[in-house]
Each structure stands twice: as C-alpha cells, then as structure tokens.
Amino acid sequence: MVYVKLESDWTDGDGVTHSAGDSVDVDAATLAMLQAQGVVSEGSGGGKDGTDWAGPTGTNWAGPTGTNP
C-alpha cells in the first residue's frame, strides 16, 4: 500500500468520493490506474512536484507541536 495525494476528485471502489488534495492509501494496481487517469501525478507516491509526498508541512500541520501546555 502507498499513501498518495489526489490531484483531482476520485471515487473509490466502495463508492466513497475523495476530493482533490485528499490523501488516500491505495495498492499498487490502484495507484497505476490513478496515474493513468491523471488523478495522481506520475511521480512516485503521487506528490504534486513528482516526488514522494510526506504529509503536511509548514503551517498546515495541526498535530502535536512538541511542547506540552
């Protein structure tokens, strides 16, 4: 399985619609299909710039900050 960021809307095999910008976990066959359809970029992992997308960065991160209140 690989985690990819969608470039456009996609409805998975279970009928669940995912919006452009969403990240989804897909198998290799599904990844190949999404790449062929242009739903994810051709770079490995589906990153927008052709690189692996490693998740949210910069100010978009809403997770733990490393400090306790």
PDB file of N, CA and C in Angstrom:
ATOM      1  N   MET A   1       0.849  -1.182   0.000  1.00  0.00           N
ATOM      2  CA  MET A   1       0.000   0.000   0.000  1.00  0.00           C
ATOM      3  C   MET A   1       0.893   1.243   0.000  1.00  0.00           C
ATOM      4  N   VAL A   2       0.389   2.276  -0.630  1.00  0.00           N
ATOM      5  CA  VAL A   2       1.118   3.546  -0.704  1.00  0.00           C
ATOM      6  C   VAL A   2       0.125   4.678  -0.462  1.00  0.00           C
ATOM      7  N   TYR A   3       0.591   5.698   0.236  1.00  0.00           N
ATOM      8  CA  TYR A   3      -0.220   6.858   0.568  1.00  0.00           C
ATOM      9  C   TYR A   3       0.009   7.917  -0.499  1.00  0.00           C
ATOM     10  N   VAL A   4      -1.046   8.334  -1.197  1.00  0.00           N
ATOM     11  CA  VAL A   4      -0.912   9.315  -2.275  1.00  0.00           C
ATOM     12  C   VAL A   4      -1.835  10.503  -2.063  1.00  0.00           C
ATOM     13  N   LYS A   5      -1.440  11.623  -2.646  1.00  0.00           N
ATOM     14  CA  LYS A   5      -2.247  12.840  -2.609  1.00  0.00           C
ATOM     15  C   LYS A   5      -2.939  12.993  -3.958  1.00  0.00           C
ATOM     16  N   LEU A   6      -4.258  13.139  -3.941  1.00  0.00           N
ATOM     17  CA  LEU A   6      -5.038  13.215  -5.176  1.00  0.00           C
ATOM     18  C   LEU A   6      -4.925  14.583  -5.829  1.00  0.00           C
ATOM     19  N   GLU A   7      -4.787  14.585  -7.141  1.00  0.00           N
ATOM     20  CA  GLU A   7      -4.736  15.815  -7.931  1.00  0.00           C
ATOM     21  C   GLU A   7      -6.136  16.236  -8.377  1.00  0.00           C
ATOM     22  N   SER A   8      -7.068  15.284  -8.389  1.00  0.00           N
ATOM     23  CA  SER A   8      -8.450  15.582  -8.759  1.00  0.00           C
ATOM     24  C   SER A   8      -9.369  14.655  -7.974  1.00  0.00           C
ATOM     25  N   ASP A   9     -10.673  14.925  -8.025  1.00  0.00           N
ATOM     26  CA  ASP A   9     -11.647  14.105  -7.308  1.00  0.00           C
ATOM     27  C   ASP A   9     -11.601  12.666  -7.814  1.00  0.00           C
ATOM     28  N   TRP A  10     -11.867  11.707  -6.913  1.00  0.00           N
ATOM     29  CA  TRP A  10     -11.853  10.292  -7.271  1.00  0.00           C
ATOM     30  C   TRP A  10     -12.837   9.554  -6.386  1.00  0.00           C
ATOM     31  N   THR A  11     -13.597   8.629  -6.981  1.00  0.00           N
ATOM     32  CA  THR A  11     -14.499   7.759  -6.234  1.00  0.00           C
ATOM     33  C   THR A  11     -13.889   6.375  -6.216  1.00  0.00           C
ATOM     34  N   ASP A  12     -13.652   5.849  -5.007  1.00  0.00           N
ATOM     35  CA  ASP A  12     -13.001   4.542  -4.886  1.00  0.00           C
ATOM     36  C   ASP A  12     -13.972   3.398  -5.169  1.00  0.00           C
ATOM     37  N   GLY A  13     -13.484   2.180  -5.121  1.00  0.00           N
ATOM     38  CA  GLY A  13     -14.283   1.000  -5.434  1.00  0.00           C
ATOM     39  C   GLY A  13     -15.444   0.755  -4.492  1.00  0.00           C
ATOM     40  N   ASP A  14     -15.409   1.386  -3.303  1.00  0.00           N
ATOM     41  CA  ASP A  14     -16.502   1.253  -2.337  1.00  0.00           C
ATOM     42  C   ASP A  14     -17.542   2.353  -2.499  1.00  0.00           C
ATOM     43  N   GLY A  15     -17.337   3.235  -3.500  1.00  0.00           N
ATOM     44  CA  GLY A  15     -18.287   4.318  -3.736  1.00  0.00           C
ATOM     45  C   GLY A  15     -18.030   5.557  -2.899  1.00  0.00           C
ATOM     46  N   VAL A  16     -16.898   5.609  -2.192  1.00  0.00           N
ATOM     47  CA  VAL A  16     -16.554   6.765  -1.370  1.00  0.00           C
ATOM     48  C   VAL A  16     -15.838   7.787  -2.245  1.00  0.00           C
ATOM     49  N   THR A  17     -16.346   9.024  -2.264  1.00  0.00           N
ATOM     50  CA  THR A  17     -15.741  10.083  -3.058  1.00  0.00           C
ATOM     51  C   THR A  17     -14.682  10.800  -2.237  1.00  0.00           C
ATOM     52  N   HIS A  18     -13.498  10.968  -2.844  1.00  0.00           N
ATOM     53  CA  HIS A  18     -12.386  11.678  -2.230  1.00  0.00           C
ATOM     54  C   HIS A  18     -12.123  12.919  -3.074  1.00  0.00           C
ATOM     55  N   SER A  19     -11.888  14.048  -2.430  1.00  0.00           N
ATOM     56  CA  SER A  19     -11.679  15.312  -3.134  1.00  0.00           C
ATOM     57  C   SER A  19     -10.222  15.522  -3.501  1.00  0.00           C
ATOM     58  N   ALA A  20      -9.994  16.347  -4.507  1.00  0.00           N
ATOM     59  CA  ALA A  20      -8.630  16.737  -4.874  1.00  0.00           C
ATOM     60  C   ALA A  20      -7.955  17.299  -3.635  1.00  0.00           C
ATOM     61  N   GLY A  21      -6.705  16.891  -3.415  1.00  0.00           N
ATOM     62  CA  GLY A  21      -5.958  17.327  -2.240  1.00  0.00           C
ATOM     63  C   GLY A  21      -6.017  16.336  -1.100  1.00  0.00           C
ATOM     64  N   ASP A  22      -7.007  15.427  -1.125  1.00  0.00           N
ATOM     65  CA  ASP A  22      -7.097  14.384  -0.102  1.00  0.00           C
ATOM     66  C   ASP A  22      -5.938  13.411  -0.266  1.00  0.00           C
ATOM     67  N   SER A  23      -5.562  12.768   0.818  1.00  0.00           N
ATOM     68  CA  SER A  23      -4.561  11.711   0.784  1.00  0.00           C
ATOM     69  C   SER A  23      -5.258  10.389   1.040  1.00  0.00           C
ATOM     70  N   VAL A  24      -4.935   9.391   0.227  1.00  0.00           N
ATOM     71  CA  VAL A  24      -5.559   8.081   0.356  1.00  0.00           C
ATOM     72  C   VAL A  24      -4.497   6.994   0.303  1.00  0.00           C
ATOM     73  N   ASP A  25      -4.784   5.869   0.914  1.00  0.00           N
ATOM     74  CA  ASP A  25      -3.897   4.715   0.922  1.00  0.00           C
ATOM     75  C   ASP A  25      -4.414   3.744  -0.136  1.00  0.00           C
ATOM     76  N   VAL A  26      -3.596   3.450  -1.155  1.00  0.00           N
ATOM     77  CA  VAL A  26      -4.027   2.581  -2.246  1.00  0.00           C
ATOM     78  C   VAL A  26      -2.983   1.508  -2.512  1.00  0.00           C
ATOM     79  N   ASP A  27      -3.409   0.428  -3.151  1.00  0.00           N
ATOM     80  CA  ASP A  27      -2.458  -0.620  -3.537  1.00  0.00           C
ATOM     81  C   ASP A  27      -1.801  -0.241  -4.868  1.00  0.00           C
ATOM     82  N   ALA A  28      -0.805  -1.024  -5.264  1.00  0.00           N
ATOM     83  CA  ALA A  28      -0.026  -0.713  -6.467  1.00  0.00           C
ATOM     84  C   ALA A  28      -0.888  -0.688  -7.726  1.00  0.00           C
ATOM     85  N   ALA A  29      -1.834  -1.609  -7.845  1.00  0.00           N
ATOM     86  CA  ALA A  29      -2.688  -1.652  -9.031  1.00  0.00           C
ATOM     87  C   ALA A  29      -3.575  -0.406  -9.108  1.00  0.00           C
ATOM     88  N   THR A  30      -4.130  -0.001  -7.968  1.00  0.00           N
ATOM     89  CA  THR A  30      -4.968   1.200  -7.946  1.00  0.00           C
ATOM     90  C   THR A  30      -4.134   2.432  -8.244  1.00  0.00           C
ATOM     91  N   LEU A  31      -2.910   2.493  -7.695  1.00  0.00           N
ATOM     92  CA  LEU A  31      -2.024   3.616  -7.975  1.00  0.00           C
ATOM     93  C   LEU A  31      -1.766   3.729  -9.470  1.00  0.00           C
ATOM     94  N   ALA A  32      -1.475   2.612 -10.121  1.00  0.00           N
ATOM     95  CA  ALA A  32      -1.222   2.625 -11.567  1.00  0.00           C
ATOM     96  C   ALA A  32      -2.444   3.133 -12.323  1.00  0.00           C
ATOM     97  N   MET A  33      -3.637   2.709 -11.915  1.00  0.00           N
ATOM     98  CA  MET A  33      -4.865   3.155 -12.559  1.00  0.00           C
ATOM     99  C   MET A  33      -5.055   4.661 -12.362  1.00  0.00           C
ATOM    100  N   LEU A  34      -4.817   5.140 -11.131  1.00  0.00           N
ATOM    101  CA  LEU A  34      -4.981   6.568 -10.846  1.00  0.00           C
ATOM    102  C   LEU A  34      -3.975   7.405 -11.631  1.00  0.00           C
ATOM    103  N   GLN A  35      -2.747   6.910 -11.765  1.00  0.00           N
ATOM    104  CA  GLN A  35      -1.746   7.624 -12.555  1.00  0.00           C
ATOM    105  C   GLN A  35      -2.158   7.676 -14.022  1.00  0.00           C
ATOM    106  N   ALA A  36      -2.660   6.570 -14.555  1.00  0.00           N
ATOM    107  CA  ALA A  36      -3.093   6.519 -15.958  1.00  0.00           C
ATOM    108  C   ALA A  36      -4.242   7.491 -16.224  1.00  0.00           C
ATOM    109  N   GLN A  37      -5.096   7.676 -15.224  1.00  0.00           N
ATOM    110  CA  GLN A  37      -6.249   8.575 -15.363  1.00  0.00           C
ATOM    111  C   GLN A  37      -5.893  10.023 -15.039  1.00  0.00           C
ATOM    112  N   GLY A  38      -4.676  10.262 -14.547  1.00  0.00           N
ATOM    113  CA  GLY A  38      -4.265  11.619 -14.190  1.00  0.00           C
ATOM    114  C   GLY A  38      -4.790  12.088 -12.853  1.00  0.00           C
ATOM    115  N   VAL A  39      -5.282  11.161 -12.024  1.00  0.00           N
ATOM    116  CA  VAL A  39      -5.828  11.520 -10.716  1.00  0.00           C
ATOM    117  C   VAL A  39      -4.705  11.802  -9.723  1.00  0.00           C
ATOM    118  N   VAL A  40      -3.561  11.151  -9.903  1.00  0.00           N
ATOM    119  CA  VAL A  40      -2.349  11.469  -9.149  1.00  0.00           C
ATOM    120  C   VAL A  40      -1.249  11.741 -10.165  1.00  0.00           C
ATOM    121  N   SER A  41      -0.235  12.495  -9.762  1.00  0.00           N
ATOM    122  CA  SER A  41       0.841  12.815 -10.699  1.00  0.00           C
ATOM    123  C   SER A  41       1.679  11.576 -10.965  1.00  0.00           C
ATOM    124  N   GLU A  42       2.484  11.623 -11.996  1.00  0.00           N
ATOM    125  CA  GLU A  42       3.292  10.476 -12.399  1.00  0.00           C
ATOM    126  C   GLU A  42       4.463  10.197 -11.472  1.00  0.00           C
ATOM    127  N   GLY A  43       4.853  11.158 -10.629  1.00  0.00           N
ATOM    128  CA  GLY A  43       5.960  10.934  -9.705  1.00  0.00           C
ATOM    129  C   GLY A  43       5.628   9.838  -8.718  1.00  0.00           C
ATOM    130  N   SER A  44       6.632   9.163  -8.186  1.00  0.00           N
ATOM    131  CA  SER A  44       6.372   8.096  -7.220  1.00  0.00           C
ATOM    132  C   SER A  44       5.662   8.672  -6.011  1.00  0.00           C
ATOM    133  N   GLY A  45       4.674   7.973  -5.533  1.00  0.00           N
ATOM    134  CA  GLY A  45       3.932   8.430  -4.378  1.00  0.00           C
ATOM    135  C   GLY A  45       2.871   9.460  -4.695  1.00  0.00           C
ATOM    136  N   GLY A  46       2.829   9.934  -5.934  1.00  0.00           N
ATOM    137  CA  GLY A  46       1.755  10.844  -6.317  1.00  0.00           C
ATOM    138  C   GLY A  46       1.933  12.269  -5.863  1.00  0.00           C
ATOM    139  N   GLY A  47       3.118  12.695  -5.426  1.00  0.00           N
ATOM    140  CA  GLY A  47       3.332  14.064  -4.989  1.00  0.00           C
ATOM    141  C   GLY A  47       3.159  15.051  -6.134  1.00  0.00           C
ATOM    142  N   LYS A  48       2.690  16.237  -5.841  1.00  0.00           N
ATOM    143  CA  LYS A  48       2.426  17.247  -6.863  1.00  0.00           C
ATOM    144  C   LYS A  48       3.654  17.585  -7.693  1.00  0.00           C
ATOM    145  N   ASP A  49       4.833  17.621  -7.068  1.00  0.00           N
ATOM    146  CA  ASP A  49       6.037  18.016  -7.784  1.00  0.00           C
ATOM    147  C   ASP A  49       6.823  16.833  -8.320  1.00  0.00           C
ATOM    148  N   GLY A  50       6.208  15.635  -8.346  1.00  0.00           N
ATOM    149  CA  GLY A  50       6.868  14.458  -8.866  1.00  0.00           C
ATOM    150  C   GLY A  50       7.728  13.739  -7.845  1.00  0.00           C
ATOM    151  N   THR A  51       7.593  14.123  -6.587  1.00  0.00           N
ATOM    152  CA  THR A  51       8.339  13.461  -5.520  1.00  0.00           C
ATOM    153  C   THR A  51       7.371  12.796  -4.567  1.00  0.00           C
ATOM    154  N   ASP A  52       7.880  11.962  -3.683  1.00  0.00           N
ATOM    155  CA  ASP A  52       7.020  11.368  -2.667  1.00  0.00           C
ATOM    156  C   ASP A  52       6.452  12.464  -1.788  1.00  0.00           C
ATOM    157  N   TRP A  53       5.176  12.383  -1.496  1.00  0.00           N
ATOM    158  CA  TRP A  53       4.545  13.341  -0.606  1.00  0.00           C
ATOM    159  C   TRP A  53       4.613  12.780   0.797  1.00  0.00           C
ATOM    160  N   ALA A  54       5.211  13.523   1.697  1.00  0.00           N
ATOM    161  CA  ALA A  54       5.450  13.025   3.044  1.00  0.00           C
ATOM    162  C   ALA A  54       4.451  13.554   4.059  1.00  0.00           C
ATOM    163  N   GLY A  55       3.383  14.137   3.610  1.00  0.00           N
ATOM    164  CA  GLY A  55       2.373  14.626   4.544  1.00  0.00           C
ATOM    165  C   GLY A  55       2.449  16.131   4.717  1.00  0.00           C
ATOM    166  N   PRO A  56       1.627  16.656   5.611  1.00  0.00           N
ATOM    167  CA  PRO A  56       1.544  18.105   5.794  1.00  0.00           C
ATOM    168  C   PRO A  56       2.854  18.685   6.321  1.00  0.00           C
ATOM    169  N   THR A  57       3.150  19.894   5.870  1.00  0.00           N
ATOM    170  CA  THR A  57       4.360  20.576   6.312  1.00  0.00           C
ATOM    171  C   THR A  57       4.049  22.024   6.638  1.00  0.00           C
ATOM    172  N   GLY A  58       5.017  22.711   7.192  1.00  0.00           N
ATOM    173  CA  GLY A  58       4.874  24.142   7.455  1.00  0.00           C
ATOM    174  C   GLY A  58       3.716  24.448   8.375  1.00  0.00           C
ATOM    175  N   THR A  59       2.968  25.483   8.038  1.00  0.00           N
ATOM    176  CA  THR A  59       1.894  25.944   8.906  1.00  0.00           C
ATOM    177  C   THR A  59       0.623  25.118   8.765  1.00  0.00           C
ATOM    178  N   ASN A  60       0.603  24.166   7.839  1.00  0.00           N
ATOM    179  CA  ASN A  60      -0.587  23.339   7.657  1.00  0.00           C
ATOM    180  C   ASN A  60      -0.689  22.231   8.693  1.00  0.00           C
ATOM    181  N   TRP A  61       0.387  21.991   9.461  1.00  0.00           N
ATOM    182  CA  TRP A  61       0.408  20.900  10.418  1.00  0.00           C
ATOM    183  C   TRP A  61      -0.428  21.264  11.634  1.00  0.00           C
ATOM    184  N   ALA A  62      -1.412  20.417  11.965  1.00  0.00           N
ATOM    185  CA  ALA A  62      -2.273  20.685  13.108  1.00  0.00           C
ATOM    186  C   ALA A  62      -2.043  19.680  14.215  1.00  0.00           C
ATOM    187  N   GLY A  63      -1.005  18.887  14.083  1.00  0.00           N
ATOM    188  CA  GLY A  63      -0.719  17.840  15.075  1.00  0.00           C
ATOM    189  C   GLY A  63       0.101  18.359  16.239  1.00  0.00           C
ATOM    190  N   PRO A  64       0.695  17.448  17.000  1.00  0.00           N
ATOM    191  CA  PRO A  64       1.483  17.832  18.189  1.00  0.00           C
ATOM    192  C   PRO A  64       2.628  18.766  17.821  1.00  0.00           C
ATOM    193  N   THR A  65       2.896  19.695  18.696  1.00  0.00           N
ATOM    194  CA  THR A  65       3.935  20.685  18.449  1.00  0.00           C
ATOM    195  C   THR A  65       5.241  20.370  19.162  1.00  0.00           C
ATOM    196  N   GLY A  66       5.240  19.378  20.019  1.00  0.00           N
ATOM    197  CA  GLY A  66       6.445  19.028  20.758  1.00  0.00           C
ATOM    198  C   GLY A  66       6.538  19.729  22.102  1.00  0.00           C
ATOM    199  N   THR A  67       5.571  20.587  22.388  1.00  0.00           N
ATOM    200  CA  THR A  67       5.541  21.241  23.694  1.00  0.00           C
ATOM    201  C   THR A  67       4.230  20.902  24.378  1.00  0.00           C
ATOM    202  N   ASN A  68       4.288  20.778  25.654  1.00  0.00           N
ATOM    203  CA  ASN A  68       3.068  20.491  26.419  1.00  0.00           C
ATOM    204  C   ASN A  68       2.547  21.755  27.044  1.00  0.00           C
ATOM    205  N   PRO A  69       1.240  21.992  26.948  1.00  0.00           N
ATOM    206  CA  PRO A  69       0.668  23.217  27.505  1.00  0.00           C
ATOM    207  C   PRO A  69       0.758  23.254  29.019  1.00  0.00           C
TER     208      PRO A  69
END
